[in-house]
Amino acid sequence: HWLNGELVVDFQIGSSRFDSLLAASKYHSIEGFADRRVGHIVLQDHGDDVWFRNIKIRDLSSGSR
């Protein structure tokens, strides 16, 4: 995950490291959390009002435009 041009989070979903971190997290007891490994995004808040607009998703895999 990049924020303002700086890499702030780097992990591979489905890796053993990711799975062990998830198992030790506060989310481990939420049924189905992180089960969908491809094709989904999550927009989150921390209890405050949030607004999202003009969200665009682009496939960056090789060969896509």
PDB file of N, CA and C in Angstrom:
ATOM      1  N   HIS A   1       0.845  -1.172   0.000  1.00  0.00           N
ATOM      2  CA  HIS A   1       0.000   0.000   0.000  1.00  0.00           C
ATOM      3  C   HIS A   1       0.885   1.229   0.000  1.00  0.00           C
ATOM      4  N   TRP A   2       0.621   2.104  -0.912  1.00  0.00           N
ATOM      5  CA  TRP A   2       1.380   3.350  -1.030  1.00  0.00           C
ATOM      6  C   TRP A   2       0.527   4.505  -0.530  1.00  0.00           C
ATOM      7  N   LEU A   3       1.109   5.405   0.202  1.00  0.00           N
ATOM      8  CA  LEU A   3       0.423   6.592   0.687  1.00  0.00           C
ATOM      9  C   LEU A   3       1.317   7.792   0.440  1.00  0.00           C
ATOM     10  N   ASN A   4       0.847   8.719  -0.366  1.00  0.00           N
ATOM     11  CA  ASN A   4       1.608   9.924  -0.698  1.00  0.00           C
ATOM     12  C   ASN A   4       3.010   9.595  -1.208  1.00  0.00           C
ATOM     13  N   GLY A   5       3.088   8.569  -2.060  1.00  0.00           N
ATOM     14  CA  GLY A   5       4.349   8.203  -2.675  1.00  0.00           C
ATOM     15  C   GLY A   5       5.289   7.388  -1.804  1.00  0.00           C
ATOM     16  N   GLU A   6       4.831   6.983  -0.616  1.00  0.00           N
ATOM     17  CA  GLU A   6       5.685   6.208   0.294  1.00  0.00           C
ATOM     18  C   GLU A   6       5.040   4.853   0.577  1.00  0.00           C
ATOM     19  N   LEU A   7       5.818   3.779   0.472  1.00  0.00           N
ATOM     20  CA  LEU A   7       5.330   2.439   0.767  1.00  0.00           C
ATOM     21  C   LEU A   7       5.135   2.323   2.281  1.00  0.00           C
ATOM     22  N   VAL A   8       3.888   2.077   2.706  1.00  0.00           N
ATOM     23  CA  VAL A   8       3.610   2.017   4.144  1.00  0.00           C
ATOM     24  C   VAL A   8       3.219   0.617   4.609  1.00  0.00           C
ATOM     25  N   VAL A   9       2.731  -0.234   3.705  1.00  0.00           N
ATOM     26  CA  VAL A   9       2.374  -1.609   4.046  1.00  0.00           C
ATOM     27  C   VAL A   9       2.736  -2.490   2.872  1.00  0.00           C
ATOM     28  N   ASP A  10       3.365  -3.627   3.159  1.00  0.00           N
ATOM     29  CA  ASP A  10       3.747  -4.545   2.099  1.00  0.00           C
ATOM     30  C   ASP A  10       3.551  -5.972   2.593  1.00  0.00           C
ATOM     31  N   PHE A  11       2.585  -6.683   1.999  1.00  0.00           N
ATOM     32  CA  PHE A  11       2.360  -8.074   2.347  1.00  0.00           C
ATOM     33  C   PHE A  11       1.697  -8.770   1.173  1.00  0.00           C
ATOM     34  N   GLN A  12       1.733 -10.082   1.165  1.00  0.00           N
ATOM     35  CA  GLN A  12       1.120 -10.875   0.113  1.00  0.00           C
ATOM     36  C   GLN A  12      -0.037 -11.653   0.720  1.00  0.00           C
ATOM     37  N   ILE A  13      -1.270 -11.319   0.307  1.00  0.00           N
ATOM     38  CA  ILE A  13      -2.438 -12.031   0.814  1.00  0.00           C
ATOM     39  C   ILE A  13      -2.322 -13.504   0.438  1.00  0.00           C
ATOM     40  N   GLY A  14      -2.580 -14.366   1.398  1.00  0.00           N
ATOM     41  CA  GLY A  14      -2.505 -15.802   1.163  1.00  0.00           C
ATOM     42  C   GLY A  14      -1.164 -16.407   1.522  1.00  0.00           C
ATOM     43  N   SER A  15      -0.171 -15.568   1.830  1.00  0.00           N
ATOM     44  CA  SER A  15       1.127 -16.101   2.231  1.00  0.00           C
ATOM     45  C   SER A  15       1.044 -16.610   3.668  1.00  0.00           C
ATOM     46  N   SER A  16       1.979 -17.442   4.050  1.00  0.00           N
ATOM     47  CA  SER A  16       1.982 -17.951   5.428  1.00  0.00           C
ATOM     48  C   SER A  16       2.179 -16.813   6.424  1.00  0.00           C
ATOM     49  N   ARG A  17       2.961 -15.809   6.065  1.00  0.00           N
ATOM     50  CA  ARG A  17       3.157 -14.656   6.952  1.00  0.00           C
ATOM     51  C   ARG A  17       1.844 -13.904   7.158  1.00  0.00           C
ATOM     52  N   PHE A  18       1.115 -13.658   6.058  1.00  0.00           N
ATOM     53  CA  PHE A  18      -0.173 -12.971   6.162  1.00  0.00           C
ATOM     54  C   PHE A  18      -1.141 -13.769   7.030  1.00  0.00           C
ATOM     55  N   ASP A  19      -1.229 -15.072   6.786  1.00  0.00           N
ATOM     56  CA  ASP A  19      -2.156 -15.909   7.545  1.00  0.00           C
ATOM     57  C   ASP A  19      -1.810 -15.932   9.027  1.00  0.00           C
ATOM     58  N   SER A  20      -0.531 -15.955   9.372  1.00  0.00           N
ATOM     59  CA  SER A  20      -0.160 -15.956  10.789  1.00  0.00           C
ATOM     60  C   SER A  20      -0.439 -14.601  11.440  1.00  0.00           C
ATOM     61  N   LEU A  21      -0.219 -13.515  10.703  1.00  0.00           N
ATOM     62  CA  LEU A  21      -0.556 -12.189  11.237  1.00  0.00           C
ATOM     63  C   LEU A  21      -2.057 -12.035  11.424  1.00  0.00           C
ATOM     64  N   LEU A  22      -2.832 -12.541  10.472  1.00  0.00           N
ATOM     65  CA  LEU A  22      -4.284 -12.487  10.589  1.00  0.00           C
ATOM     66  C   LEU A  22      -4.766 -13.306  11.790  1.00  0.00           C
ATOM     67  N   ALA A  23      -4.186 -14.475  11.996  1.00  0.00           N
ATOM     68  CA  ALA A  23      -4.575 -15.334  13.123  1.00  0.00           C
ATOM     69  C   ALA A  23      -4.291 -14.660  14.462  1.00  0.00           C
ATOM     70  N   ALA A  24      -3.288 -13.792  14.513  1.00  0.00           N
ATOM     71  CA  ALA A  24      -2.926 -13.111  15.763  1.00  0.00           C
ATOM     72  C   ALA A  24      -3.607 -11.754  15.896  1.00  0.00           C
ATOM     73  N   SER A  25      -4.435 -11.380  14.916  1.00  0.00           N
ATOM     74  CA  SER A  25      -5.042 -10.054  14.923  1.00  0.00           C
ATOM     75  C   SER A  25      -6.407 -10.061  15.602  1.00  0.00           C
ATOM     76  N   LYS A  26      -6.953  -8.864  15.789  1.00  0.00           N
ATOM     77  CA  LYS A  26      -8.287  -8.744  16.375  1.00  0.00           C
ATOM     78  C   LYS A  26      -9.371  -9.223  15.423  1.00  0.00           C
ATOM     79  N   TYR A  27      -9.029  -9.492  14.185  1.00  0.00           N
ATOM     80  CA  TYR A  27      -9.995  -9.926  13.181  1.00  0.00           C
ATOM     81  C   TYR A  27     -10.119 -11.443  13.077  1.00  0.00           C
ATOM     82  N   HIS A  28      -9.313 -12.188  13.805  1.00  0.00           N
ATOM     83  CA  HIS A  28      -9.281 -13.642  13.652  1.00  0.00           C
ATOM     84  C   HIS A  28     -10.618 -14.318  13.944  1.00  0.00           C
ATOM     85  N   SER A  29     -11.457 -13.728  14.782  1.00  0.00           N
ATOM     86  CA  SER A  29     -12.723 -14.370  15.140  1.00  0.00           C
ATOM     87  C   SER A  29     -13.886 -13.961  14.233  1.00  0.00           C
ATOM     88  N   ILE A  30     -13.640 -13.085  13.270  1.00  0.00           N
ATOM     89  CA  ILE A  30     -14.704 -12.656  12.354  1.00  0.00           C
ATOM     90  C   ILE A  30     -14.809 -13.675  11.227  1.00  0.00           C
ATOM     91  N   GLU A  31     -15.941 -14.374  11.202  1.00  0.00           N
ATOM     92  CA  GLU A  31     -16.135 -15.422  10.207  1.00  0.00           C
ATOM     93  C   GLU A  31     -16.047 -14.849   8.789  1.00  0.00           C
ATOM     94  N   GLY A  32     -15.227 -15.479   7.962  1.00  0.00           N
ATOM     95  CA  GLY A  32     -15.099 -15.078   6.568  1.00  0.00           C
ATOM     96  C   GLY A  32     -14.141 -13.933   6.304  1.00  0.00           C
ATOM     97  N   PHE A  33     -13.535 -13.370   7.353  1.00  0.00           N
ATOM     98  CA  PHE A  33     -12.637 -12.235   7.147  1.00  0.00           C
ATOM     99  C   PHE A  33     -11.423 -12.670   6.338  1.00  0.00           C
ATOM    100  N   ALA A  34     -11.166 -11.991   5.242  1.00  0.00           N
ATOM    101  CA  ALA A  34     -10.021 -12.228   4.339  1.00  0.00           C
ATOM    102  C   ALA A  34     -10.101 -13.569   3.626  1.00  0.00           C
ATOM    103  N   ASP A  35     -11.298 -14.172   3.548  1.00  0.00           N
ATOM    104  CA  ASP A  35     -11.445 -15.423   2.795  1.00  0.00           C
ATOM    105  C   ASP A  35     -11.401 -15.185   1.299  1.00  0.00           C
ATOM    106  N   ARG A  36     -11.928 -14.068   0.858  1.00  0.00           N
ATOM    107  CA  ARG A  36     -11.941 -13.759  -0.568  1.00  0.00           C
ATOM    108  C   ARG A  36     -10.613 -13.128  -0.930  1.00  0.00           C
ATOM    109  N   ARG A  37      -9.793 -13.878  -1.598  1.00  0.00           N
ATOM    110  CA  ARG A  37      -8.422 -13.458  -1.839  1.00  0.00           C
ATOM    111  C   ARG A  37      -8.258 -12.648  -3.115  1.00  0.00           C
ATOM    112  N   VAL A  38      -9.244 -12.665  -4.015  1.00  0.00           N
ATOM    113  CA  VAL A  38      -9.118 -11.961  -5.285  1.00  0.00           C
ATOM    114  C   VAL A  38     -10.436 -11.261  -5.602  1.00  0.00           C
ATOM    115  N   GLY A  39     -10.342 -10.034  -6.107  1.00  0.00           N
ATOM    116  CA  GLY A  39     -11.500  -9.381  -6.652  1.00  0.00           C
ATOM    117  C   GLY A  39     -12.339  -8.557  -5.703  1.00  0.00           C
ATOM    118  N   HIS A  40     -11.889  -8.324  -4.497  1.00  0.00           N
ATOM    119  CA  HIS A  40     -12.673  -7.542  -3.551  1.00  0.00           C
ATOM    120  C   HIS A  40     -11.798  -6.478  -2.899  1.00  0.00           C
ATOM    121  N   ILE A  41     -12.393  -5.354  -2.618  1.00  0.00           N
ATOM    122  CA  ILE A  41     -11.709  -4.320  -1.865  1.00  0.00           C
ATOM    123  C   ILE A  41     -12.540  -4.024  -0.623  1.00  0.00           C
ATOM    124  N   VAL A  42     -11.922  -3.440   0.364  1.00  0.00           N
ATOM    125  CA  VAL A  42     -12.600  -3.068   1.596  1.00  0.00           C
ATOM    126  C   VAL A  42     -12.334  -1.597   1.857  1.00  0.00           C
ATOM    127  N   LEU A  43     -13.385  -0.842   2.066  1.00  0.00           N
ATOM    128  CA  LEU A  43     -13.270   0.551   2.474  1.00  0.00           C
ATOM    129  C   LEU A  43     -13.682   0.593   3.938  1.00  0.00           C
ATOM    130  N   GLN A  44     -12.854   1.137   4.774  1.00  0.00           N
ATOM    131  CA  GLN A  44     -13.147   1.073   6.199  1.00  0.00           C
ATOM    132  C   GLN A  44     -13.168   2.440   6.843  1.00  0.00           C
ATOM    133  N   ASP A  45     -13.797   2.467   7.994  1.00  0.00           N
ATOM    134  CA  ASP A  45     -13.801   3.662   8.826  1.00  0.00           C
ATOM    135  C   ASP A  45     -13.480   3.217  10.247  1.00  0.00           C
ATOM    136  N   HIS A  46     -13.311   4.145  11.115  1.00  0.00           N
ATOM    137  CA  HIS A  46     -13.010   3.829  12.516  1.00  0.00           C
ATOM    138  C   HIS A  46     -14.049   4.455  13.428  1.00  0.00           C
ATOM    139  N   GLY A  47     -15.316   4.364  13.015  1.00  0.00           N
ATOM    140  CA  GLY A  47     -16.406   4.846  13.842  1.00  0.00           C
ATOM    141  C   GLY A  47     -16.845   6.273  13.562  1.00  0.00           C
ATOM    142  N   ASP A  48     -16.120   6.965  12.711  1.00  0.00           N
ATOM    143  CA  ASP A  48     -16.476   8.335  12.360  1.00  0.00           C
ATOM    144  C   ASP A  48     -17.220   8.338  11.027  1.00  0.00           C
ATOM    145  N   ASP A  49     -17.874   9.447  10.722  1.00  0.00           N
ATOM    146  CA  ASP A  49     -18.498   9.594   9.413  1.00  0.00           C
ATOM    147  C   ASP A  49     -17.415   9.614   8.343  1.00  0.00           C
ATOM    148  N   VAL A  50     -17.673   8.920   7.243  1.00  0.00           N
ATOM    149  CA  VAL A  50     -16.737   8.908   6.119  1.00  0.00           C
ATOM    150  C   VAL A  50     -17.513   9.085   4.827  1.00  0.00           C
ATOM    151  N   TRP A  51     -16.840   9.594   3.815  1.00  0.00           N
ATOM    152  CA  TRP A  51     -17.416   9.751   2.496  1.00  0.00           C
ATOM    153  C   TRP A  51     -16.395   9.254   1.488  1.00  0.00           C
ATOM    154  N   PHE A  52     -16.871   8.546   0.499  1.00  0.00           N
ATOM    155  CA  PHE A  52     -16.026   8.081  -0.592  1.00  0.00           C
ATOM    156  C   PHE A  52     -16.668   8.556  -1.887  1.00  0.00           C
ATOM    157  N   ARG A  53     -15.859   9.038  -2.808  1.00  0.00           N
ATOM    158  CA  ARG A  53     -16.407   9.414  -4.103  1.00  0.00           C
ATOM    159  C   ARG A  53     -15.315   9.292  -5.159  1.00  0.00           C
ATOM    160  N   ASN A  54     -15.764   9.103  -6.361  1.00  0.00           N
ATOM    161  CA  ASN A  54     -14.876   8.998  -7.519  1.00  0.00           C
ATOM    162  C   ASN A  54     -13.810   7.919  -7.342  1.00  0.00           C
ATOM    163  N   ILE A  55     -14.210   6.781  -6.825  1.00  0.00           N
ATOM    164  CA  ILE A  55     -13.278   5.669  -6.657  1.00  0.00           C
ATOM    165  C   ILE A  55     -13.131   4.958  -7.993  1.00  0.00           C
ATOM    166  N   LYS A  56     -11.896   4.794  -8.425  1.00  0.00           N
ATOM    167  CA  LYS A  56     -11.621   4.109  -9.676  1.00  0.00           C
ATOM    168  C   LYS A  56     -10.646   2.971  -9.386  1.00  0.00           C
ATOM    169  N   ILE A  57     -10.918   1.826  -9.957  1.00  0.00           N
ATOM    170  CA  ILE A  57     -10.062   0.659  -9.762  1.00  0.00           C
ATOM    171  C   ILE A  57      -9.526   0.254 -11.117  1.00  0.00           C
ATOM    172  N   ARG A  58      -8.228   0.081 -11.180  1.00  0.00           N
ATOM    173  CA  ARG A  58      -7.572  -0.262 -12.432  1.00  0.00           C
ATOM    174  C   ARG A  58      -6.747  -1.515 -12.216  1.00  0.00           C
ATOM    175  N   ASP A  59      -6.867  -2.483 -13.107  1.00  0.00           N
ATOM    176  CA  ASP A  59      -6.086  -3.702 -13.067  1.00  0.00           C
ATOM    177  C   ASP A  59      -4.658  -3.380 -13.517  1.00  0.00           C
ATOM    178  N   LEU A  60      -3.694  -3.619 -12.661  1.00  0.00           N
ATOM    179  CA  LEU A  60      -2.305  -3.315 -12.982  1.00  0.00           C
ATOM    180  C   LEU A  60      -1.495  -4.541 -13.382  1.00  0.00           C
ATOM    181  N   SER A  61      -2.174  -5.679 -13.531  1.00  0.00           N
ATOM    182  CA  SER A  61      -1.443  -6.876 -13.930  1.00  0.00           C
ATOM    183  C   SER A  61      -0.906  -6.713 -15.347  1.00  0.00           C
ATOM    184  N   SER A  62       0.096  -7.475 -15.676  1.00  0.00           N
ATOM    185  CA  SER A  62       0.738  -7.325 -16.982  1.00  0.00           C
ATOM    186  C   SER A  62      -0.248  -7.602 -18.104  1.00  0.00           C
ATOM    187  N   GLY A  63      -0.158  -6.829 -19.149  1.00  0.00           N
ATOM    188  CA  GLY A  63      -1.003  -7.009 -20.308  1.00  0.00           C
ATOM    189  C   GLY A  63      -2.338  -6.299 -20.241  1.00  0.00           C
ATOM    190  N   SER A  64      -2.670  -5.713 -19.089  1.00  0.00           N
ATOM    191  CA  SER A  64      -3.942  -4.995 -19.006  1.00  0.00           C
ATOM    192  C   SER A  64      -3.713  -3.517 -19.275  1.00  0.00           C
ATOM    193  N   ARG A  65      -4.765  -2.837 -19.657  1.00  0.00           N
ATOM    194  CA  ARG A  65      -4.660  -1.406 -19.925  1.00  0.00           C
ATOM    195  C   ARG A  65      -5.571  -0.673 -19.016  1.00  0.00           C
TER     196      ARG A  65
END
